[in-house]
Amino acid sequence: MDKHIHIIVSTHQGRLYNEYCDHIVVKNKEGEFAIYPDHLAVITSFEEGFIKLVRDKDVFFIGLTSAVVEFHQNECTVLAQEAHIGRDMDSAIKHMQIVRNERLEKNRKLDADLTVKEKEIIDNIKKAKAGTL
């Protein structure tokens, strides 16, 4: 049986990917490198990049932000703040950007709602004359 790499990709939301592949290519702003079965142990981290997964004729891409990639004994573990998979690099990165923009917009709305609530609480404390004798 041919050797494979077991790859596990996880974010704070849980496991995104848990499969076997023939080899992987890690790419970040410093460049890219391939990892094949029985490769030397590797650990790297980066702010933004992607991993290309190759299994037979299938190719997938995982866009990553704030990631740590560790390879040891044919097992690759990826921990990332965000990770999104796609059939090509552009779709993986585009999906990651869409999700990020949605989350940023949600956080902006939440911040605005909290600012309004905070103002209401301060006004109610003043009206109730709380803290005055």
Protein backbone atom coordinates (compact mmCIF):
# COMPACT_ATOMS: atom_id res chain seq x y z
CA MET A 1 0.00 0.00 0.00
CA ASP A 2 1.26 3.47 -0.85
CA LYS A 3 2.00 5.76 2.03
CA HIS A 4 -0.26 8.73 2.63
CA ILE A 5 -0.31 11.81 4.80
CA HIS A 6 -3.04 12.11 7.40
CA ILE A 7 -4.08 15.76 7.61
CA ILE A 8 -6.26 17.32 10.26
CA VAL A 9 -7.30 20.97 9.96
CA SER A 10 -8.97 22.56 12.99
CA THR A 11 -10.22 26.00 13.97
CA HIS A 12 -11.87 27.26 17.15
CA GLN A 13 -15.15 26.09 15.59
CA GLY A 14 -13.96 22.48 15.34
CA ARG A 15 -12.49 20.14 12.78
CA LEU A 16 -12.76 21.28 9.17
CA TYR A 17 -10.88 18.49 7.46
CA ASN A 18 -9.73 15.01 8.52
CA GLU A 19 -8.52 12.97 5.54
CA TYR A 20 -5.61 11.28 3.86
CA CYS A 21 -3.76 12.70 0.86
CA ASP A 22 -0.77 11.87 -1.30
CA HIS A 23 1.07 15.13 -0.63
CA ILE A 24 0.49 18.71 0.41
CA VAL A 25 1.93 22.07 -0.60
CA VAL A 26 2.14 24.84 1.99
CA LYS A 27 2.24 28.41 0.64
CA ASN A 28 2.65 31.68 2.48
CA LYS A 29 4.25 35.05 1.75
CA GLU A 30 7.76 33.60 2.19
CA GLY A 31 7.19 30.99 -0.52
CA GLU A 32 5.97 27.44 -0.75
CA PHE A 33 7.16 23.92 -0.03
CA ALA A 34 5.81 20.44 -0.62
CA ILE A 35 5.50 17.70 1.95
CA TYR A 36 5.43 14.06 0.85
CA PRO A 37 5.13 10.93 2.99
CA ASP A 38 8.19 10.30 5.16
CA HIS A 39 9.24 13.96 4.92
CA LEU A 40 11.35 15.31 7.75
CA ALA A 41 9.45 16.88 10.65
CA VAL A 42 8.35 20.44 9.90
CA ILE A 43 6.64 23.18 11.84
CA THR A 44 5.75 26.59 10.43
CA SER A 45 3.36 29.41 11.15
CA PHE A 46 1.97 32.25 9.10
CA GLU A 47 -0.64 34.98 9.05
CA GLU A 48 -2.19 34.18 5.66
CA GLY A 49 -1.64 31.43 3.15
CA PHE A 50 -3.04 28.17 1.91
CA ILE A 51 -2.46 24.46 1.77
CA LYS A 52 -2.93 22.51 -1.45
CA LEU A 53 -4.06 18.93 -0.85
CA VAL A 54 -3.45 16.33 -3.56
CA ARG A 55 -5.11 12.91 -3.48
CA ASP A 56 -4.97 10.87 -6.68
CA LYS A 57 -6.28 13.31 -9.29
CA ASP A 58 -8.28 15.37 -6.80
CA VAL A 59 -6.91 18.72 -5.66
CA PHE A 60 -8.34 20.89 -2.88
CA PHE A 61 -7.17 24.16 -1.40
CA ILE A 62 -7.56 25.37 2.17
CA GLY A 63 -7.22 29.12 2.72
CA LEU A 64 -5.79 29.84 6.18
CA THR A 65 -5.31 32.79 8.51
CA SER A 66 -3.17 32.80 11.65
CA ALA A 67 -2.15 29.18 11.17
CA VAL A 68 0.36 26.74 12.59
CA VAL A 69 1.26 23.72 10.47
CA GLU A 70 3.07 20.76 12.00
CA PHE A 71 4.15 17.62 10.15
CA HIS A 72 5.59 14.60 11.93
CA GLN A 73 5.51 10.87 11.10
CA ASN A 74 3.14 11.30 8.13
CA GLU A 75 0.61 13.29 10.14
CA CYS A 76 -0.01 16.95 9.41
CA THR A 77 -1.87 18.98 12.01
CA VAL A 78 -3.07 22.46 11.12
CA LEU A 79 -4.47 24.85 13.72
CA ALA A 80 -5.85 28.07 12.30
CA GLN A 81 -7.96 30.99 13.33
CA GLU A 82 -9.82 30.61 10.05
CA ALA A 83 -9.74 27.89 7.43
CA HIS A 84 -11.94 27.45 4.37
CA ILE A 85 -11.75 24.73 1.74
CA GLY A 86 -12.36 25.03 -1.98
CA ARG A 87 -11.76 23.25 -5.28
CA ASP A 88 -9.29 25.97 -6.24
CA MET A 89 -7.25 28.56 -4.39
CA ASP A 90 -9.44 31.48 -5.45
CA SER A 91 -12.68 29.86 -4.23
CA ALA A 92 -11.14 28.92 -0.88
CA ILE A 93 -9.80 32.45 -0.34
CA LYS A 94 -13.02 34.07 -1.60
CA HIS A 95 -15.12 31.96 0.79
CA MET A 96 -12.78 32.88 3.65
CA GLN A 97 -13.12 36.60 2.82
CA ILE A 98 -16.93 36.37 2.64
CA VAL A 99 -17.13 34.68 6.05
CA ARG A 100 -14.65 37.17 7.54
CA ASN A 101 -16.61 40.18 6.18
CA GLU A 102 -19.88 38.74 7.53
CA ARG A 103 -18.31 38.28 10.96
CA LEU A 104 -16.83 41.80 10.94
CA GLU A 105 -20.22 43.29 10.04
CA LYS A 106 -21.89 41.27 12.79
CA ASN A 107 -19.28 42.51 15.29
CA ARG A 108 -19.81 46.14 14.17
CA LYS A 109 -23.57 45.81 14.73
CA LEU A 110 -22.99 44.19 18.12
CA ASP A 111 -20.62 47.00 19.14
CA ALA A 112 -23.19 49.61 18.05
CA ASP A 113 -25.95 47.81 20.00
CA LEU A 114 -23.75 47.64 23.10
CA THR A 115 -22.94 51.36 22.85
CA VAL A 116 -26.67 52.19 22.75
CA LYS A 117 -27.38 49.88 25.71
CA GLU A 118 -24.51 51.39 27.68
CA LYS A 119 -25.88 54.89 27.10
CA GLU A 120 -29.36 53.75 28.21
CA ILE A 121 -27.92 52.29 31.43
CA ILE A 122 -26.00 55.50 32.21
CA ASP A 123 -29.15 57.60 31.58
CA ASN A 124 -31.24 55.32 33.83
CA ILE A 125 -28.65 55.50 36.61
CA LYS A 126 -28.70 59.31 36.42
CA LYS A 127 -32.52 59.41 36.40
CA ALA A 128 -32.71 57.08 39.38
CA LYS A 129 -30.09 59.18 41.17
CA ALA A 130 -28.32 56.00 42.09
CA GLY A 131 -25.26 56.54 44.23
CA THR A 132 -26.44 59.85 45.67
CA LEU A 133 -27.52 60.36 49.25
